Amino acid sequence: MSEHVSRQSENLGIPWRSPLLIAILAVTIMTPLDVPLISPVLPAIAATFGVTESTAGLFVTLYALPGILLAPVIGSLADRIGRRYVLAGCLTVFGVTGTAIANAPFLLYAIPIPIAAMVLLGLDDPETTTTSGGRAYIGEAVRAVPTGRAAALYGVMFASFGLLFGGLYTALPFHLSTTFGLSSTTVGAITSGVLVVTALVSTQNGRIAAEISMRTALTTGFGLYAGGFAIVALADGLWLLSGGLLLFGVGSGLVTPTLFTGLSTLAPDHLRGGVMSLQTTTIGLSQAAGPVAFTLLAAHFGYQPTFFAASGVAAIGTALIAVAGGSRLA
């Protein structure tokens, strides 16, 4: 069995023993230390500090602000002085500041510190780093990137992550806590389950991309978002609700890697850090806007209408990608 998997990996050209790949995969496992770790305890935060759900949801928004402001600067630095040093430095800061929080769960933030060392040893920088900076760097990036395709991809990314951060990571924990009386631990297990589904589907992105176009993958993904949110809104029990979240997880597994792949090919290698930093800024903006929109809607209309509204937004996104995507998302 293991020999079969090994031969299959070799046929796909996956260098599992490469220090570079190991370093990159190690960095990606830091994702759960972001909002997914904070999200399940939002109801407990609201209860502990005596604040409204909208105010507690701002924890997710505030978490995004440094990334929104600093991502373009860090991306430019990565292109100018090398990604290895910038990434290792960011991981170290992330690990040290997270560990400094005097709370046992946040000790997990110590993990990025050894990974920073792994990045320094395993990640090689290309020789074609840019020497331009400031306006010259921005001008070169603008000329090199296909504007229409970039705008379409970033627009879809904003909508997708707005639904993710607003719906799954902010509104859902409050809905599960108030409607079903679930604890933070159970809420965390449910949201983690969605992430596992997303991860499993994402592993098949190479095969999926070989069979269908980017536009088809994104259309299908947003269609699953719409169906998933509609089921969550209608669910009167955990089994049906879990089915809706399963659809959302599959949709995210289709949409997220498809967007990342499309964005990674927008610019030449020596400008990729700056261009990809806009990805972080876009995700940050959606992380700032999504929780505010969802909690405000829920405060005025309740969670069921809010999830129906999210389903409607996803359905509109499905139609726009299918009809207006054209060659930009082919």
C-alpha atoms as a PDB file:
ATOM      1  CA  MET A   1       0.000   0.000   0.000  1.00  0.00           C
ATOM      2  CA  SER A   2       2.761   2.432   1.017  1.00  0.00           C
ATOM      3  CA  GLU A   3       4.736   1.520  -2.128  1.00  0.00           C
ATOM      4  CA  HIS A   4       1.665   2.295  -4.233  1.00  0.00           C
ATOM      5  CA  VAL A   5       1.265   5.733  -2.577  1.00  0.00           C
ATOM      6  CA  SER A   6       4.974   6.409  -3.042  1.00  0.00           C
ATOM      7  CA  ARG A   7       4.869   5.499  -6.739  1.00  0.00           C
ATOM      8  CA  GLN A   8       1.708   7.589  -7.190  1.00  0.00           C
ATOM      9  CA  SER A   9       3.394  10.606  -5.536  1.00  0.00           C
ATOM     10  CA  GLU A  10       6.419  10.190  -7.788  1.00  0.00           C
ATOM     11  CA  ASN A  11       4.167  10.101 -10.854  1.00  0.00           C
ATOM     12  CA  LEU A  12       2.580  13.357  -9.726  1.00  0.00           C
ATOM     13  CA  GLY A  13       6.040  14.895  -9.306  1.00  0.00           C
ATOM     14  CA  ILE A  14       5.627  15.650  -5.598  1.00  0.00           C
ATOM     15  CA  PRO A  15       9.081  15.902  -3.941  1.00  0.00           C
ATOM     16  CA  TRP A  16       8.005  14.800  -0.468  1.00  0.00           C
ATOM     17  CA  ARG A  17      11.585  14.633   0.811  1.00  0.00           C
ATOM     18  CA  SER A  18      12.498  18.128  -0.348  1.00  0.00           C
ATOM     19  CA  PRO A  19      13.543  20.442   2.550  1.00  0.00           C
ATOM     20  CA  LEU A  20      11.834  23.272   0.667  1.00  0.00           C
ATOM     21  CA  LEU A  21       8.485  21.463   0.529  1.00  0.00           C
ATOM     22  CA  ILE A  22       8.781  20.390   4.176  1.00  0.00           C
ATOM     23  CA  ALA A  23       9.454  23.997   5.226  1.00  0.00           C
ATOM     24  CA  ILE A  24       6.482  25.292   3.220  1.00  0.00           C
ATOM     25  CA  LEU A  25       4.134  22.636   4.622  1.00  0.00           C
ATOM     26  CA  ALA A  26       5.340  23.406   8.136  1.00  0.00           C
ATOM     27  CA  VAL A  27       4.467  27.077   7.623  1.00  0.00           C
ATOM     28  CA  THR A  28       1.000  26.227   6.327  1.00  0.00           C
ATOM     29  CA  ILE A  29       0.099  24.279   9.477  1.00  0.00           C
ATOM     30  CA  MET A  30       0.242  27.624  11.308  1.00  0.00           C
ATOM     31  CA  THR A  31      -3.152  28.512   9.785  1.00  0.00           C
ATOM     32  CA  PRO A  32      -5.207  26.994  12.662  1.00  0.00           C
ATOM     33  CA  LEU A  33      -3.361  29.303  15.072  1.00  0.00           C
ATOM     34  CA  ASP A  34      -5.108  32.233  13.415  1.00  0.00           C
ATOM     35  CA  VAL A  35      -8.841  32.953  13.688  1.00  0.00           C
ATOM     36  CA  PRO A  36      -9.874  29.249  14.004  1.00  0.00           C
ATOM     37  CA  LEU A  37      -8.322  29.198  17.496  1.00  0.00           C
ATOM     38  CA  ILE A  38     -10.170  32.344  18.617  1.00  0.00           C
ATOM     39  CA  SER A  39     -13.507  31.733  16.923  1.00  0.00           C
ATOM     40  CA  PRO A  40     -14.981  29.018  19.198  1.00  0.00           C
ATOM     41  CA  VAL A  41     -14.512  31.127  22.344  1.00  0.00           C
ATOM     42  CA  LEU A  42     -16.242  34.258  21.001  1.00  0.00           C
ATOM     43  CA  PRO A  43     -19.475  33.508  22.923  1.00  0.00           C
ATOM     44  CA  ALA A  44     -17.419  33.004  26.109  1.00  0.00           C
ATOM     45  CA  ILE A  45     -15.620  36.301  25.465  1.00  0.00           C
ATOM     46  CA  ALA A  46     -18.958  38.100  25.124  1.00  0.00           C
ATOM     47  CA  ALA A  47     -20.245  36.532  28.360  1.00  0.00           C
ATOM     48  CA  THR A  48     -17.034  37.076  30.337  1.00  0.00           C
ATOM     49  CA  PHE A  49     -16.636  40.744  29.456  1.00  0.00           C
ATOM     50  CA  GLY A  50     -20.344  41.544  29.310  1.00  0.00           C
ATOM     51  CA  VAL A  51     -20.261  42.830  25.745  1.00  0.00           C
ATOM     52  CA  THR A  52     -22.597  42.297  22.806  1.00  0.00           C
ATOM     53  CA  GLU A  53     -21.987  39.679  20.155  1.00  0.00           C
ATOM     54  CA  SER A  54     -21.191  42.436  17.652  1.00  0.00           C
ATOM     55  CA  THR A  55     -18.488  43.794  19.959  1.00  0.00           C
ATOM     56  CA  ALA A  56     -17.015  40.337  20.601  1.00  0.00           C
ATOM     57  CA  GLY A  57     -16.946  39.749  16.834  1.00  0.00           C
ATOM     58  CA  LEU A  58     -14.605  42.718  16.535  1.00  0.00           C
ATOM     59  CA  PHE A  59     -11.855  40.482  17.964  1.00  0.00           C
ATOM     60  CA  VAL A  60     -11.727  38.835  14.546  1.00  0.00           C
ATOM     61  CA  THR A  61     -11.751  42.217  12.818  1.00  0.00           C
ATOM     62  CA  LEU A  62      -8.994  43.702  14.996  1.00  0.00           C
ATOM     63  CA  TYR A  63      -6.846  40.626  14.425  1.00  0.00           C
ATOM     64  CA  ALA A  64      -6.849  41.469  10.700  1.00  0.00           C
ATOM     65  CA  LEU A  65      -5.779  45.115  10.895  1.00  0.00           C
ATOM     66  CA  PRO A  66      -1.973  44.646  11.180  1.00  0.00           C
ATOM     67  CA  GLY A  67      -2.022  42.327   8.179  1.00  0.00           C
ATOM     68  CA  ILE A  68      -4.019  44.803   6.106  1.00  0.00           C
ATOM     69  CA  LEU A  69      -1.577  47.614   6.842  1.00  0.00           C
ATOM     70  CA  LEU A  70       1.724  45.727   6.774  1.00  0.00           C
ATOM     71  CA  ALA A  71       1.255  43.063   4.082  1.00  0.00           C
ATOM     72  CA  PRO A  72       2.264  45.275   1.109  1.00  0.00           C
ATOM     73  CA  VAL A  73       5.383  46.456   2.949  1.00  0.00           C
ATOM     74  CA  ILE A  74       6.372  42.917   3.932  1.00  0.00           C
ATOM     75  CA  GLY A  75       5.714  41.641   0.410  1.00  0.00           C
ATOM     76  CA  SER A  76       7.982  44.308  -1.057  1.00  0.00           C
ATOM     77  CA  LEU A  77      10.693  43.470   1.486  1.00  0.00           C
ATOM     78  CA  ALA A  78      10.442  39.792   0.585  1.00  0.00           C
ATOM     79  CA  ASP A  79      11.131  40.607  -3.063  1.00  0.00           C
ATOM     80  CA  ARG A  80      13.999  42.935  -2.187  1.00  0.00           C
ATOM     81  CA  ILE A  81      15.933  41.171   0.580  1.00  0.00           C
ATOM     82  CA  GLY A  82      14.710  37.584   0.301  1.00  0.00           C
ATOM     83  CA  ARG A  83      11.657  35.626   1.355  1.00  0.00           C
ATOM     84  CA  ARG A  84      13.552  33.299   3.647  1.00  0.00           C
ATOM     85  CA  TYR A  85      14.656  36.048   6.032  1.00  0.00           C
ATOM     86  CA  VAL A  86      11.357  37.926   5.997  1.00  0.00           C
ATOM     87  CA  LEU A  87       9.284  34.769   6.541  1.00  0.00           C
ATOM     88  CA  ALA A  88      11.550  33.519   9.338  1.00  0.00           C
ATOM     89  CA  GLY A  89      11.403  36.918  11.043  1.00  0.00           C
ATOM     90  CA  CYS A  90       7.614  37.064  10.826  1.00  0.00           C
ATOM     91  CA  LEU A  91       7.271  33.539  12.214  1.00  0.00           C
ATOM     92  CA  THR A  92       9.531  34.437  15.129  1.00  0.00           C
ATOM     93  CA  VAL A  93       7.538  37.567  15.971  1.00  0.00           C
ATOM     94  CA  PHE A  94       4.284  35.601  15.644  1.00  0.00           C
ATOM     95  CA  GLY A  95       5.569  32.888  17.975  1.00  0.00           C
ATOM     96  CA  VAL A  96       7.115  35.155  20.601  1.00  0.00           C
ATOM     97  CA  THR A  97       4.150  37.533  20.883  1.00  0.00           C
ATOM     98  CA  GLY A  98       1.613  34.690  20.911  1.00  0.00           C
ATOM     99  CA  THR A  99       3.511  32.805  23.597  1.00  0.00           C
ATOM    100  CA  ALA A 100       3.702  35.977  25.695  1.00  0.00           C
ATOM    101  CA  ILE A 101      -0.059  35.795  26.261  1.00  0.00           C
ATOM    102  CA  ALA A 102      -0.505  34.238  29.714  1.00  0.00           C
ATOM    103  CA  ASN A 103      -3.082  31.643  28.765  1.00  0.00           C
ATOM    104  CA  ALA A 104      -2.459  27.926  28.295  1.00  0.00           C
ATOM    105  CA  PRO A 105      -4.035  27.517  24.805  1.00  0.00           C
ATOM    106  CA  PHE A 106      -1.825  30.268  23.472  1.00  0.00           C
ATOM    107  CA  LEU A 107       1.290  28.212  24.271  1.00  0.00           C
ATOM    108  CA  LEU A 108       0.605  26.652  20.882  1.00  0.00           C
ATOM    109  CA  TYR A 109       2.002  29.870  19.433  1.00  0.00           C
ATOM    110  CA  ALA A 110       5.487  28.705  20.416  1.00  0.00           C
ATOM    111  CA  ILE A 111       5.355  26.269  17.473  1.00  0.00           C
ATOM    112  CA  PRO A 112       6.305  28.921  14.847  1.00  0.00           C
ATOM    113  CA  ILE A 113       9.668  29.549  16.538  1.00  0.00           C
ATOM    114  CA  PRO A 114      11.316  26.235  15.547  1.00  0.00           C
ATOM    115  CA  ILE A 115       9.564  26.451  12.177  1.00  0.00           C
ATOM    116  CA  ALA A 116      11.319  29.800  11.631  1.00  0.00           C
ATOM    117  CA  ALA A 117      14.634  27.962  11.980  1.00  0.00           C
ATOM    118  CA  MET A 118      13.394  25.320   9.541  1.00  0.00           C
ATOM    119  CA  VAL A 119      12.591  28.058   7.017  1.00  0.00           C
ATOM    120  CA  LEU A 120      16.075  29.553   7.323  1.00  0.00           C
ATOM    121  CA  LEU A 121      17.624  26.158   6.634  1.00  0.00           C
ATOM    122  CA  GLY A 122      15.207  24.780   4.053  1.00  0.00           C
ATOM    123  CA  LEU A 123      13.970  27.728   1.999  1.00  0.00           C
ATOM    124  CA  ASP A 124      16.057  29.015  -0.888  1.00  0.00           C
ATOM    125  CA  ASP A 125      15.540  32.483  -2.315  1.00  0.00           C
ATOM    126  CA  PRO A 126      15.558  33.008  -6.082  1.00  0.00           C
ATOM    127  CA  GLU A 127      18.437  34.981  -7.500  1.00  0.00           C
ATOM    128  CA  THR A 128      16.089  37.319  -9.351  1.00  0.00           C
ATOM    129  CA  THR A 129      15.015  39.452  -6.404  1.00  0.00           C
ATOM    130  CA  THR A 130      14.151  42.991  -7.427  1.00  0.00           C
ATOM    131  CA  THR A 131      16.340  45.956  -6.538  1.00  0.00           C
ATOM    132  CA  SER A 132      13.708  48.595  -7.209  1.00  0.00           C
ATOM    133  CA  GLY A 133      11.638  50.069  -4.421  1.00  0.00           C
ATOM    134  CA  GLY A 134       8.926  52.625  -3.744  1.00  0.00           C
ATOM    135  CA  ARG A 135       7.167  53.981  -6.798  1.00  0.00           C
ATOM    136  CA  ALA A 136       9.463  52.143  -9.203  1.00  0.00           C
ATOM    137  CA  TYR A 137       8.540  48.810  -7.628  1.00  0.00           C
ATOM    138  CA  ILE A 138       4.809  49.605  -7.691  1.00  0.00           C
ATOM    139  CA  GLY A 139       5.023  50.773 -11.304  1.00  0.00           C
ATOM    140  CA  GLU A 140       6.823  47.610 -12.376  1.00  0.00           C
ATOM    141  CA  ALA A 141       4.265  45.438 -10.585  1.00  0.00           C
ATOM    142  CA  VAL A 142       1.318  47.275 -12.184  1.00  0.00           C
ATOM    143  CA  ARG A 143       2.809  46.859 -15.648  1.00  0.00           C
ATOM    144  CA  ALA A 144       3.531  43.170 -15.127  1.00  0.00           C
ATOM    145  CA  VAL A 145       0.153  42.097 -13.722  1.00  0.00           C
ATOM    146  CA  PRO A 146      -2.935  41.580 -15.941  1.00  0.00           C
ATOM    147  CA  THR A 147      -5.256  44.064 -14.235  1.00  0.00           C
ATOM    148  CA  GLY A 148      -8.611  42.574 -15.254  1.00  0.00           C
ATOM    149  CA  ARG A 149      -7.739  39.047 -14.181  1.00  0.00           C
ATOM    150  CA  ALA A 150      -6.214  40.291 -10.913  1.00  0.00           C
ATOM    151  CA  ALA A 151      -9.304  42.358 -10.079  1.00  0.00           C
ATOM    152  CA  ALA A 152     -11.590  39.382 -10.736  1.00  0.00           C
ATOM    153  CA  LEU A 153      -9.519  37.011  -8.589  1.00  0.00           C
ATOM    154  CA  TYR A 154      -9.161  39.459  -5.702  1.00  0.00           C
ATOM    155  CA  GLY A 155     -12.879  40.262  -5.872  1.00  0.00           C
ATOM    156  CA  VAL A 156     -13.832  36.595  -5.656  1.00  0.00           C
ATOM    157  CA  MET A 157     -11.333  36.141  -2.822  1.00  0.00           C
ATOM    158  CA  PHE A 158     -12.852  39.032  -0.840  1.00  0.00           C
ATOM    159  CA  ALA A 159     -16.336  37.538  -1.171  1.00  0.00           C
ATOM    160  CA  SER A 160     -15.198  34.008  -0.323  1.00  0.00           C
ATOM    161  CA  PHE A 161     -13.237  34.920   2.790  1.00  0.00           C
ATOM    162  CA  GLY A 162     -15.905  37.415   3.873  1.00  0.00           C
ATOM    163  CA  LEU A 163     -18.373  34.523   3.976  1.00  0.00           C
ATOM    164  CA  LEU A 164     -15.800  32.331   5.734  1.00  0.00           C
ATOM    165  CA  PHE A 165     -14.794  34.787   8.467  1.00  0.00           C
ATOM    166  CA  GLY A 166     -18.236  36.300   8.905  1.00  0.00           C
ATOM    167  CA  GLY A 167     -20.304  33.140   8.633  1.00  0.00           C
ATOM    168  CA  LEU A 168     -18.213  30.210   9.816  1.00  0.00           C
ATOM    169  CA  TYR A 169     -15.859  31.907  12.277  1.00  0.00           C
ATOM    170  CA  THR A 170     -18.097  34.599  13.790  1.00  0.00           C
ATOM    171  CA  ALA A 171     -21.837  34.053  13.340  1.00  0.00           C
ATOM    172  CA  LEU A 172     -21.760  30.252  13.579  1.00  0.00           C
ATOM    173  CA  PRO A 173     -20.178  30.053  17.085  1.00  0.00           C
ATOM    174  CA  PHE A 174     -22.826  32.420  18.471  1.00  0.00           C
ATOM    175  CA  HIS A 175     -25.581  30.519  16.647  1.00  0.00           C
ATOM    176  CA  LEU A 176     -24.374  27.163  18.003  1.00  0.00           C
ATOM    177  CA  SER A 177     -24.041  28.588  21.512  1.00  0.00           C
ATOM    178  CA  THR A 178     -27.380  30.406  21.731  1.00  0.00           C
ATOM    179  CA  THR A 179     -29.576  28.105  19.624  1.00  0.00           C
ATOM    180  CA  PHE A 180     -28.148  24.693  20.493  1.00  0.00           C
ATOM    181  CA  GLY A 181     -26.472  25.469  23.838  1.00  0.00           C
ATOM    182  CA  LEU A 182     -23.100  24.058  22.776  1.00  0.00           C
ATOM    183  CA  SER A 183     -19.879  24.654  24.691  1.00  0.00           C
ATOM    184  CA  SER A 184     -16.792  26.329  23.232  1.00  0.00           C
ATOM    185  CA  THR A 185     -15.099  22.933  22.987  1.00  0.00           C
ATOM    186  CA  THR A 186     -17.931  21.465  20.916  1.00  0.00           C
ATOM    187  CA  VAL A 187     -18.106  24.571  18.739  1.00  0.00           C
ATOM    188  CA  GLY A 188     -14.367  24.265  18.126  1.00  0.00           C
ATOM    189  CA  ALA A 189     -14.756  20.606  17.172  1.00  0.00           C
ATOM    190  CA  ILE A 190     -17.474  21.490  14.643  1.00  0.00           C
ATOM    191  CA  THR A 191     -15.536  24.329  13.002  1.00  0.00           C
ATOM    192  CA  SER A 192     -12.410  22.150  12.987  1.00  0.00           C
ATOM    193  CA  GLY A 193     -14.396  19.480  11.189  1.00  0.00           C
ATOM    194  CA  VAL A 194     -15.210  21.964   8.444  1.00  0.00           C
ATOM    195  CA  LEU A 195     -11.502  22.759   8.123  1.00  0.00           C
ATOM    196  CA  VAL A 196     -10.667  19.053   7.853  1.00  0.00           C
ATOM    197  CA  VAL A 197     -13.164  18.659   5.005  1.00  0.00           C
ATOM    198  CA  THR A 198     -11.674  21.709   3.302  1.00  0.00           C
ATOM    199  CA  ALA A 199      -8.175  20.289   3.688  1.00  0.00           C
ATOM    200  CA  LEU A 200      -9.146  16.894   2.265  1.00  0.00           C
ATOM    201  CA  VAL A 201     -10.789  18.447  -0.795  1.00  0.00           C
ATOM    202  CA  SER A 202      -7.844  20.814  -1.255  1.00  0.00           C
ATOM    203  CA  THR A 203      -5.453  17.870  -1.544  1.00  0.00           C
ATOM    204  CA  GLN A 204      -7.240  16.934  -4.759  1.00  0.00           C
ATOM    205  CA  ASN A 205      -6.879  20.393  -6.295  1.00  0.00           C
ATOM    206  CA  GLY A 206      -4.270  19.237  -8.812  1.00  0.00           C
ATOM    207  CA  ARG A 207      -6.518  16.514 -10.160  1.00  0.00           C
ATOM    208  CA  ILE A 208      -9.567  18.792 -10.126  1.00  0.00           C
ATOM    209  CA  ALA A 209      -7.712  21.563 -11.995  1.00  0.00           C
ATOM    210  CA  ALA A 210      -6.709  19.041 -14.664  1.00  0.00           C
ATOM    211  CA  GLU A 211     -10.365  18.139 -15.273  1.00  0.00           C
ATOM    212  CA  ILE A 212     -12.277  21.424 -14.976  1.00  0.00           C
ATOM    213  CA  SER A 213     -11.596  25.121 -15.557  1.00  0.00           C
ATOM    214  CA  MET A 214     -10.956  27.695 -12.855  1.00  0.00           C
ATOM    215  CA  ARG A 215     -14.341  29.284 -13.503  1.00  0.00           C
ATOM    216  CA  THR A 216     -16.131  25.940 -13.122  1.00  0.00           C
ATOM    217  CA  ALA A 217     -14.328  25.221  -9.849  1.00  0.00           C
ATOM    218  CA  LEU A 218     -15.191  28.653  -8.452  1.00  0.00           C
ATOM    219  CA  THR A 219     -18.800  28.470  -9.647  1.00  0.00           C
ATOM    220  CA  THR A 220     -19.247  25.052  -8.067  1.00  0.00           C
ATOM    221  CA  GLY A 221     -17.617  26.203  -4.844  1.00  0.00           C
ATOM    222  CA  PHE A 222     -19.841  29.263  -4.466  1.00  0.00           C
ATOM    223  CA  GLY A 223     -22.879  27.141  -5.310  1.00  0.00           C
ATOM    224  CA  LEU A 224     -21.937  24.862  -2.409  1.00  0.00           C
ATOM    225  CA  TYR A 225     -21.553  27.941  -0.187  1.00  0.00           C
ATOM    226  CA  ALA A 226     -25.107  28.965  -1.091  1.00  0.00           C
ATOM    227  CA  GLY A 227     -26.526  25.518  -0.409  1.00  0.00           C
ATOM    228  CA  GLY A 228     -24.552  25.114   2.798  1.00  0.00           C
ATOM    229  CA  PHE A 229     -25.677  28.406   4.309  1.00  0.00           C
ATOM    230  CA  ALA A 230     -29.304  27.722   3.327  1.00  0.00           C
ATOM    231  CA  ILE A 231     -29.208  24.358   5.131  1.00  0.00           C
ATOM    232  CA  VAL A 232     -27.595  25.937   8.212  1.00  0.00           C
ATOM    233  CA  ALA A 233     -30.410  28.505   8.262  1.00  0.00           C
ATOM    234  CA  LEU A 234     -33.100  25.803   8.030  1.00  0.00           C
ATOM    235  CA  ALA A 235     -31.497  23.264  10.358  1.00  0.00           C
ATOM    236  CA  ASP A 236     -33.359  22.479  13.573  1.00  0.00           C
ATOM    237  CA  GLY A 237     -30.892  19.783  14.610  1.00  0.00           C
ATOM    238  CA  LEU A 238     -27.145  19.239  14.623  1.00  0.00           C
ATOM    239  CA  TRP A 239     -27.137  16.489  11.987  1.00  0.00           C
ATOM    240  CA  LEU A 240     -28.775  18.656   9.343  1.00  0.00           C
ATOM    241  CA  LEU A 241     -26.633  21.620  10.334  1.00  0.00           C
ATOM    242  CA  SER A 242     -23.510  19.468  10.024  1.00  0.00           C
ATOM    243  CA  GLY A 243     -24.622  18.500   6.522  1.00  0.00           C
ATOM    244  CA  GLY A 244     -24.799  22.167   5.558  1.00  0.00           C
ATOM    245  CA  LEU A 245     -21.365  22.817   7.006  1.00  0.00           C
ATOM    246  CA  LEU A 246     -20.034  19.801   5.094  1.00  0.00           C
ATOM    247  CA  LEU A 247     -21.174  21.436   1.850  1.00  0.00           C
ATOM    248  CA  PHE A 248     -19.507  24.691   2.893  1.00  0.00           C
ATOM    249  CA  GLY A 249     -16.256  22.842   3.655  1.00  0.00           C
ATOM    250  CA  VAL A 250     -16.244  21.162   0.254  1.00  0.00           C
ATOM    251  CA  GLY A 251     -16.930  24.519  -1.397  1.00  0.00           C
ATOM    252  CA  SER A 252     -14.042  26.123   0.452  1.00  0.00           C
ATOM    253  CA  GLY A 253     -11.802  23.230  -0.568  1.00  0.00           C
ATOM    254  CA  LEU A 254     -12.610  23.995  -4.194  1.00  0.00           C
ATOM    255  CA  VAL A 255     -12.452  27.784  -4.044  1.00  0.00           C
ATOM    256  CA  THR A 256      -9.451  28.531  -1.817  1.00  0.00           C
ATOM    257  CA  PRO A 257      -6.662  26.562  -3.555  1.00  0.00           C
ATOM    258  CA  THR A 258      -8.053  27.558  -6.953  1.00  0.00           C
ATOM    259  CA  LEU A 259      -7.759  31.234  -6.028  1.00  0.00           C
ATOM    260  CA  PHE A 260      -4.274  30.817  -4.529  1.00  0.00           C
ATOM    261  CA  THR A 261      -3.066  29.036  -7.665  1.00  0.00           C
ATOM    262  CA  GLY A 262      -4.526  31.692  -9.941  1.00  0.00           C
ATOM    263  CA  LEU A 263      -2.972  34.537  -7.963  1.00  0.00           C
ATOM    264  CA  SER A 264       0.455  32.872  -7.793  1.00  0.00           C
ATOM    265  CA  THR A 265       0.696  32.955 -11.591  1.00  0.00           C
ATOM    266  CA  LEU A 266      -0.176  36.636 -11.979  1.00  0.00           C
ATOM    267  CA  ALA A 267       3.343  38.062 -11.675  1.00  0.00           C
ATOM    268  CA  PRO A 268       6.937  37.117 -12.490  1.00  0.00           C
ATOM    269  CA  ASP A 269       8.964  35.568  -9.692  1.00  0.00           C
ATOM    270  CA  HIS A 270      10.867  38.713  -8.720  1.00  0.00           C
ATOM    271  CA  LEU A 271       7.590  40.570  -8.077  1.00  0.00           C
ATOM    272  CA  ARG A 272       5.594  37.708  -6.605  1.00  0.00           C
ATOM    273  CA  GLY A 273       6.064  38.710  -2.968  1.00  0.00           C
ATOM    274  CA  GLY A 274       4.479  42.116  -3.529  1.00  0.00           C
ATOM    275  CA  VAL A 275       1.644  40.786  -5.663  1.00  0.00           C
ATOM    276  CA  MET A 276       0.885  37.958  -3.231  1.00  0.00           C
ATOM    277  CA  SER A 277       0.931  40.433  -0.338  1.00  0.00           C
ATOM    278  CA  LEU A 278      -2.230  41.922  -1.844  1.00  0.00           C
ATOM    279  CA  GLN A 279      -3.741  38.494  -1.237  1.00  0.00           C
ATOM    280  CA  THR A 280      -3.053  38.916   2.470  1.00  0.00           C
ATOM    281  CA  THR A 281      -4.479  42.444   2.373  1.00  0.00           C
ATOM    282  CA  THR A 282      -7.610  41.216   0.588  1.00  0.00           C
ATOM    283  CA  ILE A 283      -8.108  38.395   3.085  1.00  0.00           C
ATOM    284  CA  GLY A 284      -7.561  40.891   5.903  1.00  0.00           C
ATOM    285  CA  LEU A 285     -10.177  43.247   4.504  1.00  0.00           C
ATOM    286  CA  SER A 286     -12.677  40.401   4.237  1.00  0.00           C
ATOM    287  CA  GLN A 287     -11.773  39.355   7.776  1.00  0.00           C
ATOM    288  CA  ALA A 288     -12.486  42.904   8.929  1.00  0.00           C
ATOM    289  CA  ALA A 289     -15.738  43.343   7.012  1.00  0.00           C
ATOM    290  CA  GLY A 290     -17.289  39.860   7.274  1.00  0.00           C
ATOM    291  CA  PRO A 291     -17.691  39.627  11.076  1.00  0.00           C
ATOM    292  CA  VAL A 292     -19.072  43.163  11.295  1.00  0.00           C
ATOM    293  CA  ALA A 293     -21.645  42.516   8.565  1.00  0.00           C
ATOM    294  CA  PHE A 294     -22.787  39.170   9.979  1.00  0.00           C
ATOM    295  CA  THR A 295     -23.060  40.247  13.614  1.00  0.00           C
ATOM    296  CA  LEU A 296     -24.882  43.479  12.757  1.00  0.00           C
ATOM    297  CA  LEU A 297     -27.385  41.587  10.615  1.00  0.00           C
ATOM    298  CA  ALA A 298     -27.839  38.984  13.343  1.00  0.00           C
ATOM    299  CA  ALA A 299     -28.354  41.668  15.990  1.00  0.00           C
ATOM    300  CA  HIS A 300     -31.205  43.214  13.992  1.00  0.00           C
ATOM    301  CA  PHE A 301     -32.809  40.217  12.272  1.00  0.00           C
ATOM    302  CA  GLY A 302     -31.561  37.044  13.979  1.00  0.00           C
ATOM    303  CA  TYR A 303     -29.277  34.277  12.793  1.00  0.00           C
ATOM    304  CA  GLN A 304     -31.664  32.431  10.506  1.00  0.00           C
ATOM    305  CA  PRO A 305     -32.273  35.460   8.228  1.00  0.00           C
ATOM    306  CA  THR A 306     -28.552  36.255   8.377  1.00  0.00           C
ATOM    307  CA  PHE A 307     -27.586  32.811   7.092  1.00  0.00           C
ATOM    308  CA  PHE A 308     -30.271  33.060   4.408  1.00  0.00           C
ATOM    309  CA  ALA A 309     -28.747  36.401   3.378  1.00  0.00           C
ATOM    310  CA  ALA A 310     -25.314  34.764   3.215  1.00  0.00           C
ATOM    311  CA  SER A 311     -26.794  32.055   1.016  1.00  0.00           C
ATOM    312  CA  GLY A 312     -28.204  34.751  -1.262  1.00  0.00           C
ATOM    313  CA  VAL A 313     -24.852  36.529  -1.508  1.00  0.00           C
ATOM    314  CA  ALA A 314     -23.156  33.242  -2.402  1.00  0.00           C
ATOM    315  CA  ALA A 315     -25.825  32.512  -5.015  1.00  0.00           C
ATOM    316  CA  ILE A 316     -25.277  35.942  -6.592  1.00  0.00           C
ATOM    317  CA  GLY A 317     -21.541  35.237  -6.584  1.00  0.00           C
ATOM    318  CA  THR A 318     -22.190  31.926  -8.329  1.00  0.00           C
ATOM    319  CA  ALA A 319     -24.152  33.665 -11.065  1.00  0.00           C
ATOM    320  CA  LEU A 320     -21.605  36.463 -11.511  1.00  0.00           C
ATOM    321  CA  ILE A 321     -18.682  34.052 -11.813  1.00  0.00           C
ATOM    322  CA  ALA A 322     -20.581  31.844 -14.264  1.00  0.00           C
ATOM    323  CA  VAL A 323     -21.881  34.673 -16.456  1.00  0.00           C
ATOM    324  CA  ALA A 324     -19.404  37.522 -16.078  1.00  0.00           C
ATOM    325  CA  GLY A 325     -16.201  35.618 -15.319  1.00  0.00           C
ATOM    326  CA  GLY A 326     -15.392  35.153 -18.981  1.00  0.00           C
ATOM    327  CA  SER A 327     -11.767  34.771 -19.994  1.00  0.00           C
ATOM    328  CA  ARG A 328     -10.577  36.414 -16.761  1.00  0.00           C
ATOM    329  CA  LEU A 329     -11.464  33.301 -14.788  1.00  0.00           C
ATOM    330  CA  ALA A 330     -11.116  30.708 -17.550  1.00  0.00           C
END
